[in-house]
C-alpha atoms as a PDB file:
ATOM      1  CA  MET A   1     -31.769 -41.292  -3.831  1.00  0.00           C
ATOM      2  CA  GLU A   2     -28.693 -39.042  -3.641  1.00  0.00           C
ATOM      3  CA  LEU A   3     -27.721 -36.483  -1.517  1.00  0.00           C
ATOM      4  CA  HIS A   4     -28.423 -34.003  -4.366  1.00  0.00           C
ATOM      5  CA  GLU A   5     -31.730 -35.093  -4.731  1.00  0.00           C
ATOM      6  CA  LEU A   6     -32.798 -34.133  -1.247  1.00  0.00           C
ATOM      7  CA  ALA A   7     -35.102 -31.334  -0.617  1.00  0.00           C
ATOM      8  CA  PRO A   8     -37.328 -29.988   2.044  1.00  0.00           C
ATOM      9  CA  ALA A   9     -40.974 -31.017   2.250  1.00  0.00           C
ATOM     10  CA  PRO A  10     -43.337 -28.675   0.143  1.00  0.00           C
ATOM     11  CA  GLY A  11     -44.360 -25.797   2.324  1.00  0.00           C
ATOM     12  CA  ALA A  12     -41.632 -26.456   5.081  1.00  0.00           C
ATOM     13  CA  ASN A  13     -39.619 -23.494   3.670  1.00  0.00           C
ATOM     14  CA  ARG A  14     -41.309 -20.211   4.376  1.00  0.00           C
ATOM     15  CA  PRO A  15     -40.431 -16.868   2.708  1.00  0.00           C
ATOM     16  CA  ARG A  16     -38.558 -14.404   4.504  1.00  0.00           C
ATOM     17  CA  ARG A  17     -40.149 -11.627   6.624  1.00  0.00           C
ATOM     18  CA  ARG A  18     -39.608  -8.364   4.691  1.00  0.00           C
ATOM     19  CA  VAL A  19     -39.943  -5.837   7.538  1.00  0.00           C
ATOM     20  CA  GLY A  20     -40.473  -2.249   7.218  1.00  0.00           C
ATOM     21  CA  ARG A  21     -42.622  -2.350   4.218  1.00  0.00           C
ATOM     22  CA  GLY A  22     -45.778  -0.618   5.055  1.00  0.00           C
ATOM     23  CA  THR A  23     -48.317  -1.035   7.569  1.00  0.00           C
ATOM     24  CA  GLY A  24     -50.461  -3.430   5.188  1.00  0.00           C
ATOM     25  CA  GLY A  25     -47.903  -6.472   5.867  1.00  0.00           C
ATOM     26  CA  LYS A  26     -46.578  -8.081   9.130  1.00  0.00           C
ATOM     27  CA  GLY A  27     -43.540  -5.861  10.339  1.00  0.00           C
ATOM     28  CA  GLY A  28     -44.480  -2.451   9.305  1.00  0.00           C
ATOM     29  CA  LYS A  29     -44.400   0.828  10.941  1.00  0.00           C
ATOM     30  CA  THR A  30     -41.635   0.334  13.496  1.00  0.00           C
ATOM     31  CA  ALA A  31     -40.461  -2.923  11.431  1.00  0.00           C
ATOM     32  CA  GLY A  32     -40.387  -5.093  14.816  1.00  0.00           C
ATOM     33  CA  ARG A  33     -38.109  -2.619  16.546  1.00  0.00           C
ATOM     34  CA  GLY A  34     -40.282  -1.362  19.449  1.00  0.00           C
ATOM     35  CA  THR A  35     -41.065   2.229  19.582  1.00  0.00           C
ATOM     36  CA  LYS A  36     -38.110   4.944  20.177  1.00  0.00           C
ATOM     37  CA  GLY A  37     -35.180   4.006  21.993  1.00  0.00           C
ATOM     38  CA  GLN A  38     -31.508   3.897  20.793  1.00  0.00           C
ATOM     39  CA  LYS A  39     -32.169   0.126  19.313  1.00  0.00           C
ATOM     40  CA  ALA A  40     -34.656   1.630  16.904  1.00  0.00           C
ATOM     41  CA  ARG A  41     -32.363   4.076  15.294  1.00  0.00           C
ATOM     42  CA  THR A  42     -29.563   3.269  13.037  1.00  0.00           C
ATOM     43  CA  SER A  43     -27.173   6.145  14.290  1.00  0.00           C
ATOM     44  CA  VAL A  44     -25.512   4.029  16.874  1.00  0.00           C
ATOM     45  CA  LYS A  45     -21.630   3.926  15.942  1.00  0.00           C
ATOM     46  CA  PRO A  46     -19.697   0.430  16.041  1.00  0.00           C
ATOM     47  CA  GLY A  47     -18.154   0.134  19.166  1.00  0.00           C
ATOM     48  CA  PHE A  48     -20.072   2.455  21.195  1.00  0.00           C
ATOM     49  CA  GLU A  49     -20.468   1.111  24.643  1.00  0.00           C
ATOM     50  CA  GLY A  50     -23.255   3.442  25.876  1.00  0.00           C
ATOM     51  CA  GLY A  51     -21.220   6.096  26.909  1.00  0.00           C
ATOM     52  CA  GLN A  52     -18.376   4.015  28.824  1.00  0.00           C
ATOM     53  CA  LEU A  53     -15.299   5.073  27.741  1.00  0.00           C
ATOM     54  CA  PRO A  54     -14.623   2.544  24.579  1.00  0.00           C
ATOM     55  CA  LEU A  55     -12.633  -0.612  24.679  1.00  0.00           C
ATOM     56  CA  THR A  56     -10.117   1.148  21.753  1.00  0.00           C
ATOM     57  CA  GLN A  57      -9.559   4.075  24.058  1.00  0.00           C
ATOM     58  CA  ARG A  58      -9.044   2.192  27.251  1.00  0.00           C
ATOM     59  CA  ILE A  59      -6.404  -0.107  25.838  1.00  0.00           C
ATOM     60  CA  PRO A  60      -3.796   1.783  23.941  1.00  0.00           C
ATOM     61  CA  LYS A  61      -1.852  -1.615  22.253  1.00  0.00           C
ATOM     62  CA  LEU A  62      -5.309  -1.616  19.930  1.00  0.00           C
ATOM     63  CA  ARG A  63      -4.311   1.801  18.467  1.00  0.00           C
ATOM     64  CA  GLY A  64      -0.579   1.113  17.987  1.00  0.00           C
ATOM     65  CA  PHE A  65       2.355   2.499  19.545  1.00  0.00           C
ATOM     66  CA  ALA A  66       4.846   5.205  17.749  1.00  0.00           C
ATOM     67  CA  ASN A  67       8.198   4.778  19.148  1.00  0.00           C
ATOM     68  CA  PRO A  68       9.589   8.126  19.989  1.00  0.00           C
ATOM     69  CA  PHE A  69      13.389   6.820  19.595  1.00  0.00           C
ATOM     70  CA  ARG A  70      12.902   5.371  16.093  1.00  0.00           C
ATOM     71  CA  VAL A  71      15.322   6.376  13.500  1.00  0.00           C
ATOM     72  CA  GLU A  72      14.293   5.840  10.018  1.00  0.00           C
ATOM     73  CA  TYR A  73      16.807   5.910   7.264  1.00  0.00           C
ATOM     74  CA  ASN A  74      16.907   5.975   3.247  1.00  0.00           C
ATOM     75  CA  VAL A  75      18.101   2.490   2.160  1.00  0.00           C
ATOM     76  CA  VAL A  76      20.356   2.702  -0.348  1.00  0.00           C
ATOM     77  CA  ASN A  77      22.085  -0.825  -1.896  1.00  0.00           C
ATOM     78  CA  VAL A  78      25.475  -1.378  -3.343  1.00  0.00           C
ATOM     79  CA  ASP A  79      24.319  -2.348  -6.726  1.00  0.00           C
ATOM     80  CA  ILE A  80      22.549   1.210  -6.883  1.00  0.00           C
ATOM     81  CA  LEU A  81      25.820   2.792  -6.117  1.00  0.00           C
ATOM     82  CA  GLU A  82      27.530   0.450  -9.096  1.00  0.00           C
ATOM     83  CA  SER A  83      25.188   2.294 -11.386  1.00  0.00           C
ATOM     84  CA  LEU A  84      26.273   5.870 -10.141  1.00  0.00           C
ATOM     85  CA  ASP A  85      28.638   7.623 -12.810  1.00  0.00           C
ATOM     86  CA  VAL A  86      30.666   9.373  -9.626  1.00  0.00           C
ATOM     87  CA  SER A  87      33.609   8.198  -7.571  1.00  0.00           C
ATOM     88  CA  THR A  88      32.488   9.880  -4.301  1.00  0.00           C
ATOM     89  CA  VAL A  89      29.045   9.222  -3.423  1.00  0.00           C
ATOM     90  CA  THR A  90      27.388  11.271  -0.652  1.00  0.00           C
ATOM     91  CA  PRO A  91      24.027  11.852   0.641  1.00  0.00           C
ATOM     92  CA  GLU A  92      23.800  14.773  -1.369  1.00  0.00           C
ATOM     93  CA  SER A  93      24.890  13.294  -4.362  1.00  0.00           C
ATOM     94  CA  LEU A  94      22.083  10.370  -3.870  1.00  0.00           C
ATOM     95  CA  ARG A  95      19.589  13.397  -3.608  1.00  0.00           C
ATOM     96  CA  ALA A  96      20.755  14.865  -6.814  1.00  0.00           C
ATOM     97  CA  ALA A  97      20.721  11.752  -8.611  1.00  0.00           C
ATOM     98  CA  GLY A  98      16.985  11.399  -7.279  1.00  0.00           C
ATOM     99  CA  ILE A  99      17.819   7.862  -5.357  1.00  0.00           C
ATOM    100  CA  VAL A 100      17.159   9.403  -1.762  1.00  0.00           C
ATOM    101  CA  HIS A 101      14.092  11.688  -2.147  1.00  0.00           C
ATOM    102  CA  ASP A 102      13.749  13.474   1.242  1.00  0.00           C
ATOM    103  CA  LYS A 103      15.918  14.720   3.642  1.00  0.00           C
ATOM    104  CA  GLY A 104      16.408  11.924   5.887  1.00  0.00           C
ATOM    105  CA  LEU A 105      19.307   9.784   7.124  1.00  0.00           C
ATOM    106  CA  VAL A 106      21.078   7.221   4.560  1.00  0.00           C
ATOM    107  CA  LYS A 107      22.102   3.582   5.037  1.00  0.00           C
ATOM    108  CA  VAL A 108      24.029   1.769   2.506  1.00  0.00           C
ATOM    109  CA  LEU A 109      23.016  -2.200   2.485  1.00  0.00           C
ATOM    110  CA  GLY A 110      25.028  -5.123   0.849  1.00  0.00           C
ATOM    111  CA  ARG A 111      22.762  -6.426  -1.816  1.00  0.00           C
ATOM    112  CA  GLY A 112      24.356  -6.755  -5.116  1.00  0.00           C
ATOM    113  CA  ASP A 113      28.260  -6.519  -6.340  1.00  0.00           C
ATOM    114  CA  LEU A 114      30.439  -3.517  -6.694  1.00  0.00           C
ATOM    115  CA  THR A 115      33.462  -4.122  -8.983  1.00  0.00           C
ATOM    116  CA  ARG A 116      34.836  -0.140  -8.789  1.00  0.00           C
ATOM    117  CA  LYS A 117      36.371   1.647  -6.631  1.00  0.00           C
ATOM    118  CA  LEU A 118      34.188   4.150  -4.750  1.00  0.00           C
ATOM    119  CA  ASP A 119      34.160   6.497  -1.441  1.00  0.00           C
ATOM    120  CA  VAL A 120      30.947   6.116  -0.063  1.00  0.00           C
ATOM    121  CA  HIS A 121      30.001   8.474   2.739  1.00  0.00           C
ATOM    122  CA  ALA A 122      27.053   7.920   4.416  1.00  0.00           C
ATOM    123  CA  HIS A 123      25.248   8.106   8.157  1.00  0.00           C
ATOM    124  CA  ALA A 124      25.300   4.469   8.660  1.00  0.00           C
ATOM    125  CA  PHE A 125      26.457   0.919   6.923  1.00  0.00           C
ATOM    126  CA  SER A 126      25.559  -2.526   6.818  1.00  0.00           C
ATOM    127  CA  ALA A 127      28.362  -5.044   7.534  1.00  0.00           C
ATOM    128  CA  SER A 128      28.185  -6.450   4.413  1.00  0.00           C
ATOM    129  CA  ALA A 129      27.767  -3.342   2.704  1.00  0.00           C
ATOM    130  CA  ARG A 130      31.019  -2.216   4.246  1.00  0.00           C
ATOM    131  CA  GLU A 131      32.972  -5.335   3.195  1.00  0.00           C
ATOM    132  CA  ALA A 132      32.051  -5.001  -0.315  1.00  0.00           C
ATOM    133  CA  ILE A 133      32.760  -1.485  -0.793  1.00  0.00           C
ATOM    134  CA  GLU A 134      36.243  -2.001   0.793  1.00  0.00           C
ATOM    135  CA  ARG A 135      36.655  -5.423  -1.107  1.00  0.00           C
ATOM    136  CA  ALA A 136      36.769  -3.192  -4.336  1.00  0.00           C
ATOM    137  CA  GLY A 137      38.953  -1.018  -3.195  1.00  0.00           C
ATOM    138  CA  GLY A 138      36.978   2.218  -2.036  1.00  0.00           C
ATOM    139  CA  THR A 139      36.015   3.603   1.316  1.00  0.00           C
ATOM    140  CA  ALA A 140      33.241   3.439   3.513  1.00  0.00           C
ATOM    141  CA  SER A 141      33.196   6.563   5.886  1.00  0.00           C
ATOM    142  CA  VAL A 142      30.154   7.275   8.295  1.00  0.00           C
ATOM    143  CA  VAL A 143      28.862  10.865   8.378  1.00  0.00           C
ATOM    144  CA  ALA A 144      27.598  12.880  11.008  1.00  0.00           C
ATOM    145  CA  SER A 145      23.842  13.125  11.561  1.00  0.00           C
ATOM    146  CA  PRO A 146      22.659  16.454  10.377  1.00  0.00           C
ATOM    147  CA  TYR A 147      20.491  16.779  13.436  1.00  0.00           C
ATOM    148  CA  GLY A 148      23.631  16.453  15.682  1.00  0.00           C
ATOM    149  CA  ASP A 149      22.878  15.094  19.088  1.00  0.00           C
ATOM    150  CA  ARG A 150      18.974  15.385  18.546  1.00  0.00           C
ATOM    151  CA  ARG A 151      17.116  12.445  17.489  1.00  0.00           C
ATOM    152  CA  PRO A 152      15.791  12.547  14.098  1.00  0.00           C
ATOM    153  CA  PRO A 153      11.965  13.445  13.353  1.00  0.00           C
ATOM    154  CA  VAL A 154      10.259  10.380  12.815  1.00  0.00           C
ATOM    155  CA  ARG A 155       7.248  10.318   9.916  1.00  0.00           C
ATOM    156  CA  GLY A 156       3.688  10.227  11.292  1.00  0.00           C
ATOM    157  CA  ASN A 157       4.637  10.812  14.612  1.00  0.00           C
ATOM    158  CA  ALA A 158       3.435  14.017  16.436  1.00  0.00           C
ATOM    159  CA  LEU A 159       5.238  13.063  20.118  1.00  0.00           C
ATOM    160  CA  ALA A 160       8.731  12.562  18.186  1.00  0.00           C
ATOM    161  CA  ASN A 161       8.284  15.779  16.174  1.00  0.00           C
ATOM    162  CA  ARG A 162       8.643  18.370  19.283  1.00  0.00           C
END
């Protein structure tokens, strides 16, 4: 006898109970849930704790945290600057070319190589991007934030957009 030949004895497996199928069979009418009450109904929300403040509201870490001091940048890599046919790159020219889509801050990162001289104006540069631009004979200059001393608004955070 092999393992795949094993089977329960005849009659050992009983069919499952089909409750809630009328009063003619076992488990009709209330379907084994008793009469009335919260547990007899299907309207209990998941996470409902009987009126007590639910766990998801008691512990804020479970709902995430939106940092009001976060600064978000539109990222542009050096290899994308290489493909532009301008000698001076500004956040406005990047928006006009369709590379940067919103009016946020622009940060240049160092992926790729730069073979020609470019004057790049952006709100921030990574060290490798600055090095790649200067190695090609160009300049990397930091532009003042359009928000001045205020922090830029963070997307998806109502607290930071006051």
